[in-house]
């Protein structure tokens, strides 16, 4: 993975519809990139964390 110009080994965790982090992730995308496209948030949403952390 590369984030913020740094490389690291990471694990992607899918956020399902019941996970409150999913809504926050969609909100952050809207705030960062502006008005969402029609399908924003309809596909899989992931949280990426460094490998080896719980």
PDB file of N, CA and C in Angstrom:
ATOM      1  N   UNK A   1       0.841  -1.165   0.000  1.00  0.00           N
ATOM      2  CA  UNK A   1       0.000   0.000   0.000  1.00  0.00           C
ATOM      3  C   UNK A   1       0.892   1.236   0.000  1.00  0.00           C
ATOM      4  N   UNK A   2       0.387   2.302  -0.583  1.00  0.00           N
ATOM      5  CA  UNK A   2       1.054   3.598  -0.528  1.00  0.00           C
ATOM      6  C   UNK A   2       0.016   4.621  -0.088  1.00  0.00           C
ATOM      7  N   UNK A   3       0.323   5.358   0.949  1.00  0.00           N
ATOM      8  CA  UNK A   3      -0.564   6.410   1.444  1.00  0.00           C
ATOM      9  C   UNK A   3       0.294   7.547   1.964  1.00  0.00           C
ATOM     10  N   UNK A   4      -0.023   8.742   1.542  1.00  0.00           N
ATOM     11  CA  UNK A   4       0.747   9.894   1.992  1.00  0.00           C
ATOM     12  C   UNK A   4       2.205   9.818   1.600  1.00  0.00           C
ATOM     13  N   UNK A   5       2.492   9.162   0.474  1.00  0.00           N
ATOM     14  CA  UNK A   5       3.864   9.034   0.007  1.00  0.00           C
ATOM     15  C   UNK A   5       4.676   7.969   0.724  1.00  0.00           C
ATOM     16  N   UNK A   6       4.053   7.220   1.615  1.00  0.00           N
ATOM     17  CA  UNK A   6       4.750   6.163   2.358  1.00  0.00           C
ATOM     18  C   UNK A   6       4.213   4.809   1.942  1.00  0.00           C
ATOM     19  N   UNK A   7       5.102   3.829   1.825  1.00  0.00           N
ATOM     20  CA  UNK A   7       4.704   2.458   1.498  1.00  0.00           C
ATOM     21  C   UNK A   7       4.609   1.637   2.779  1.00  0.00           C
ATOM     22  N   UNK A   8       3.626   0.742   2.831  1.00  0.00           N
ATOM     23  CA  UNK A   8       3.498  -0.154   3.974  1.00  0.00           C
ATOM     24  C   UNK A   8       2.679  -1.373   3.572  1.00  0.00           C
ATOM     25  N   UNK A   9       2.845  -2.450   4.330  1.00  0.00           N
ATOM     26  CA  UNK A   9       2.018  -3.627   4.124  1.00  0.00           C
ATOM     27  C   UNK A   9       0.698  -3.379   4.838  1.00  0.00           C
ATOM     28  N   UNK A  10      -0.403  -3.595   4.122  1.00  0.00           N
ATOM     29  CA  UNK A  10      -1.695  -3.301   4.705  1.00  0.00           C
ATOM     30  C   UNK A  10      -2.707  -4.402   4.496  1.00  0.00           C
ATOM     31  N   UNK A  11      -3.778  -4.309   5.248  1.00  0.00           N
ATOM     32  CA  UNK A  11      -4.897  -5.247   5.177  1.00  0.00           C
ATOM     33  C   UNK A  11      -6.157  -4.424   4.921  1.00  0.00           C
ATOM     34  N   UNK A  12      -6.949  -4.832   3.916  1.00  0.00           N
ATOM     35  CA  UNK A  12      -8.209  -4.144   3.620  1.00  0.00           C
ATOM     36  C   UNK A  12      -9.349  -4.884   4.306  1.00  0.00           C
ATOM     37  N   UNK A  13     -10.156  -4.148   5.047  1.00  0.00           N
ATOM     38  CA  UNK A  13     -11.316  -4.710   5.746  1.00  0.00           C
ATOM     39  C   UNK A  13     -12.575  -4.118   5.116  1.00  0.00           C
ATOM     40  N   UNK A  14     -13.458  -4.971   4.609  1.00  0.00           N
ATOM     41  CA  UNK A  14     -14.707  -4.506   4.007  1.00  0.00           C
ATOM     42  C   UNK A  14     -15.657  -4.068   5.116  1.00  0.00           C
ATOM     43  N   UNK A  15     -16.271  -2.887   4.936  1.00  0.00           N
ATOM     44  CA  UNK A  15     -17.255  -2.389   5.898  1.00  0.00           C
ATOM     45  C   UNK A  15     -18.643  -2.720   5.372  1.00  0.00           C
ATOM     46  N   UNK A  16     -19.409  -3.477   6.141  1.00  0.00           N
ATOM     47  CA  UNK A  16     -20.764  -3.831   5.692  1.00  0.00           C
ATOM     48  C   UNK A  16     -21.741  -2.714   6.067  1.00  0.00           C
ATOM     49  N   UNK A  17     -22.985  -2.863   5.632  1.00  0.00           N
ATOM     50  CA  UNK A  17     -23.998  -1.826   5.817  1.00  0.00           C
ATOM     51  C   UNK A  17     -24.298  -1.509   7.278  1.00  0.00           C
ATOM     52  N   UNK A  18     -24.023  -2.422   8.194  1.00  0.00           N
ATOM     53  CA  UNK A  18     -24.314  -2.194   9.624  1.00  0.00           C
ATOM     54  C   UNK A  18     -23.192  -1.468  10.336  1.00  0.00           C
ATOM     55  N   UNK A  19     -22.037  -1.357   9.696  1.00  0.00           N
ATOM     56  CA  UNK A  19     -20.866  -0.743  10.330  1.00  0.00           C
ATOM     57  C   UNK A  19     -20.969   0.781  10.239  1.00  0.00           C
ATOM     58  N   UNK A  20     -20.988   1.488  11.371  1.00  0.00           N
ATOM     59  CA  UNK A  20     -21.108   2.947  11.339  1.00  0.00           C
ATOM     60  C   UNK A  20     -19.945   3.635  10.628  1.00  0.00           C
ATOM     61  N   UNK A  21     -18.813   2.958  10.515  1.00  0.00           N
ATOM     62  CA  UNK A  21     -17.675   3.555   9.808  1.00  0.00           C
ATOM     63  C   UNK A  21     -17.958   3.706   8.320  1.00  0.00           C
ATOM     64  N   UNK A  22     -18.888   2.903   7.774  1.00  0.00           N
ATOM     65  CA  UNK A  22     -19.217   2.978   6.350  1.00  0.00           C
ATOM     66  C   UNK A  22     -19.794   4.356   6.000  1.00  0.00           C
ATOM     67  N   UNK A  23     -20.771   4.812   6.760  1.00  0.00           N
ATOM     68  CA  UNK A  23     -21.362   6.120   6.518  1.00  0.00           C
ATOM     69  C   UNK A  23     -20.351   7.246   6.666  1.00  0.00           C
ATOM     70  N   UNK A  24     -19.485   7.120   7.663  1.00  0.00           N
ATOM     71  CA  UNK A  24     -18.452   8.134   7.860  1.00  0.00           C
ATOM     72  C   UNK A  24     -17.486   8.153   6.687  1.00  0.00           C
ATOM     73  N   UNK A  25     -17.156   6.976   6.157  1.00  0.00           N
ATOM     74  CA  UNK A  25     -16.248   6.904   5.013  1.00  0.00           C
ATOM     75  C   UNK A  25     -16.848   7.584   3.792  1.00  0.00           C
ATOM     76  N   UNK A  26     -18.133   7.341   3.533  1.00  0.00           N
ATOM     77  CA  UNK A  26     -18.806   7.988   2.398  1.00  0.00           C
ATOM     78  C   UNK A  26     -18.843   9.497   2.609  1.00  0.00           C
ATOM     79  N   UNK A  27     -19.154   9.937   3.828  1.00  0.00           N
ATOM     80  CA  UNK A  27     -19.179  11.370   4.132  1.00  0.00           C
ATOM     81  C   UNK A  27     -17.824  12.012   3.877  1.00  0.00           C
ATOM     82  N   UNK A  28     -16.760  11.350   4.304  1.00  0.00           N
ATOM     83  CA  UNK A  28     -15.414  11.892   4.099  1.00  0.00           C
ATOM     84  C   UNK A  28     -15.071  11.990   2.617  1.00  0.00           C
ATOM     85  N   UNK A  29     -15.510  11.019   1.808  1.00  0.00           N
ATOM     86  CA  UNK A  29     -15.291  11.097   0.363  1.00  0.00           C
ATOM     87  C   UNK A  29     -16.006  12.308  -0.231  1.00  0.00           C
ATOM     88  N   UNK A  30     -17.245  12.532   0.198  1.00  0.00           N
ATOM     89  CA  UNK A  30     -18.012  13.673  -0.294  1.00  0.00           C
ATOM     90  C   UNK A  30     -17.318  14.982   0.098  1.00  0.00           C
ATOM     91  N   UNK A  31     -16.887  15.086   1.351  1.00  0.00           N
ATOM     92  CA  UNK A  31     -16.229  16.304   1.812  1.00  0.00           C
ATOM     93  C   UNK A  31     -14.910  16.542   1.079  1.00  0.00           C
ATOM     94  N   UNK A  32     -14.208  15.477   0.779  1.00  0.00           N
ATOM     95  CA  UNK A  32     -12.910  15.609   0.129  1.00  0.00           C
ATOM     96  C   UNK A  32     -13.020  15.901  -1.356  1.00  0.00           C
ATOM     97  N   UNK A  33     -13.969  15.229  -2.035  1.00  0.00           N
ATOM     98  CA  UNK A  33     -14.018  15.310  -3.491  1.00  0.00           C
ATOM     99  C   UNK A  33     -15.241  16.036  -4.026  1.00  0.00           C
ATOM    100  N   UNK A  34     -16.110  16.533  -3.179  1.00  0.00           N
ATOM    101  CA  UNK A  34     -17.270  17.290  -3.634  1.00  0.00           C
ATOM    102  C   UNK A  34     -18.501  16.428  -3.783  1.00  0.00           C
ATOM    103  N   UNK A  35     -19.470  16.952  -4.517  1.00  0.00           N
ATOM    104  CA  UNK A  35     -20.747  16.280  -4.708  1.00  0.00           C
ATOM    105  C   UNK A  35     -20.527  14.876  -5.253  1.00  0.00           C
ATOM    106  N   UNK A  36     -21.153  13.887  -4.644  1.00  0.00           N
ATOM    107  CA  UNK A  36     -20.921  12.509  -5.068  1.00  0.00           C
ATOM    108  C   UNK A  36     -21.591  12.181  -6.394  1.00  0.00           C
ATOM    109  N   UNK A  37     -21.026  11.206  -7.061  1.00  0.00           N
ATOM    110  CA  UNK A  37     -21.684  10.681  -8.249  1.00  0.00           C
ATOM    111  C   UNK A  37     -22.882   9.853  -7.790  1.00  0.00           C
ATOM    112  N   UNK A  38     -23.715   9.496  -8.698  1.00  0.00           N
ATOM    113  CA  UNK A  38     -24.951   8.785  -8.380  1.00  0.00           C
ATOM    114  C   UNK A  38     -24.716   7.488  -7.601  1.00  0.00           C
ATOM    115  N   UNK A  39     -23.655   6.773  -7.907  1.00  0.00           N
ATOM    116  CA  UNK A  39     -23.442   5.461  -7.290  1.00  0.00           C
ATOM    117  C   UNK A  39     -22.493   5.444  -6.108  1.00  0.00           C
ATOM    118  N   UNK A  40     -22.047   6.613  -5.642  1.00  0.00           N
ATOM    119  CA  UNK A  40     -21.092   6.632  -4.533  1.00  0.00           C
ATOM    120  C   UNK A  40     -21.688   5.939  -3.312  1.00  0.00           C
ATOM    121  N   UNK A  41     -20.949   5.026  -2.760  1.00  0.00           N
ATOM    122  CA  UNK A  41     -21.390   4.306  -1.575  1.00  0.00           C
ATOM    123  C   UNK A  41     -22.175   3.051  -1.878  1.00  0.00           C
ATOM    124  N   UNK A  42     -22.445   2.774  -3.150  1.00  0.00           N
ATOM    125  CA  UNK A  42     -23.236   1.583  -3.478  1.00  0.00           C
ATOM    126  C   UNK A  42     -22.372   0.334  -3.617  1.00  0.00           C
ATOM    127  N   UNK A  43     -21.083   0.493  -3.793  1.00  0.00           N
ATOM    128  CA  UNK A  43     -20.181  -0.646  -3.924  1.00  0.00           C
ATOM    129  C   UNK A  43     -19.480  -0.934  -2.610  1.00  0.00           C
ATOM    130  N   UNK A  44     -18.495  -1.818  -2.663  1.00  0.00           N
ATOM    131  CA  UNK A  44     -17.761  -2.135  -1.429  1.00  0.00           C
ATOM    132  C   UNK A  44     -16.961  -0.934  -0.934  1.00  0.00           C
ATOM    133  N   UNK A  45     -16.909  -0.802   0.372  1.00  0.00           N
ATOM    134  CA  UNK A  45     -16.131   0.255   1.013  1.00  0.00           C
ATOM    135  C   UNK A  45     -15.164  -0.429   1.969  1.00  0.00           C
ATOM    136  N   UNK A  46     -13.919   0.010   1.923  1.00  0.00           N
ATOM    137  CA  UNK A  46     -12.859  -0.628   2.688  1.00  0.00           C
ATOM    138  C   UNK A  46     -12.204   0.344   3.639  1.00  0.00           C
ATOM    139  N   UNK A  47     -11.692  -0.204   4.729  1.00  0.00           N
ATOM    140  CA  UNK A  47     -10.765   0.491   5.614  1.00  0.00           C
ATOM    141  C   UNK A  47      -9.449  -0.246   5.445  1.00  0.00           C
ATOM    142  N   UNK A  48      -8.375   0.505   5.252  1.00  0.00           N
ATOM    143  CA  UNK A  48      -7.060  -0.110   5.098  1.00  0.00           C
ATOM    144  C   UNK A  48      -6.257   0.222   6.330  1.00  0.00           C
ATOM    145  N   UNK A  49      -5.706  -0.813   6.947  1.00  0.00           N
ATOM    146  CA  UNK A  49      -4.893  -0.612   8.152  1.00  0.00           C
ATOM    147  C   UNK A  49      -3.562  -1.326   7.957  1.00  0.00           C
ATOM    148  N   UNK A  50      -2.526  -0.871   8.633  1.00  0.00           N
ATOM    149  CA  UNK A  50      -1.247  -1.558   8.528  1.00  0.00           C
ATOM    150  C   UNK A  50      -1.367  -3.016   8.941  1.00  0.00           C
ATOM    151  N   UNK A  51      -0.693  -3.903   8.229  1.00  0.00           N
ATOM    152  CA  UNK A  51      -0.698  -5.320   8.555  1.00  0.00           C
ATOM    153  C   UNK A  51      -0.050  -5.536   9.918  1.00  0.00           C
ATOM    154  N   UNK A  52      -0.543  -6.515  10.636  1.00  0.00           N
ATOM    155  CA  UNK A  52       0.023  -6.834  11.936  1.00  0.00           C
ATOM    156  C   UNK A  52      -0.611  -6.118  13.095  1.00  0.00           C
ATOM    157  N   UNK A  53      -1.599  -5.260  12.799  1.00  0.00           N
ATOM    158  CA  UNK A  53      -2.316  -4.558  13.871  1.00  0.00           C
ATOM    159  C   UNK A  53      -3.714  -5.116  13.973  1.00  0.00           C
ATOM    160  N   UNK A  54      -4.285  -5.124  15.179  1.00  0.00           N
ATOM    161  CA  UNK A  54      -5.627  -5.633  15.411  1.00  0.00           C
ATOM    162  C   UNK A  54      -6.617  -4.607  15.186  1.00  0.00           C
TER     163      UNK A  54
END
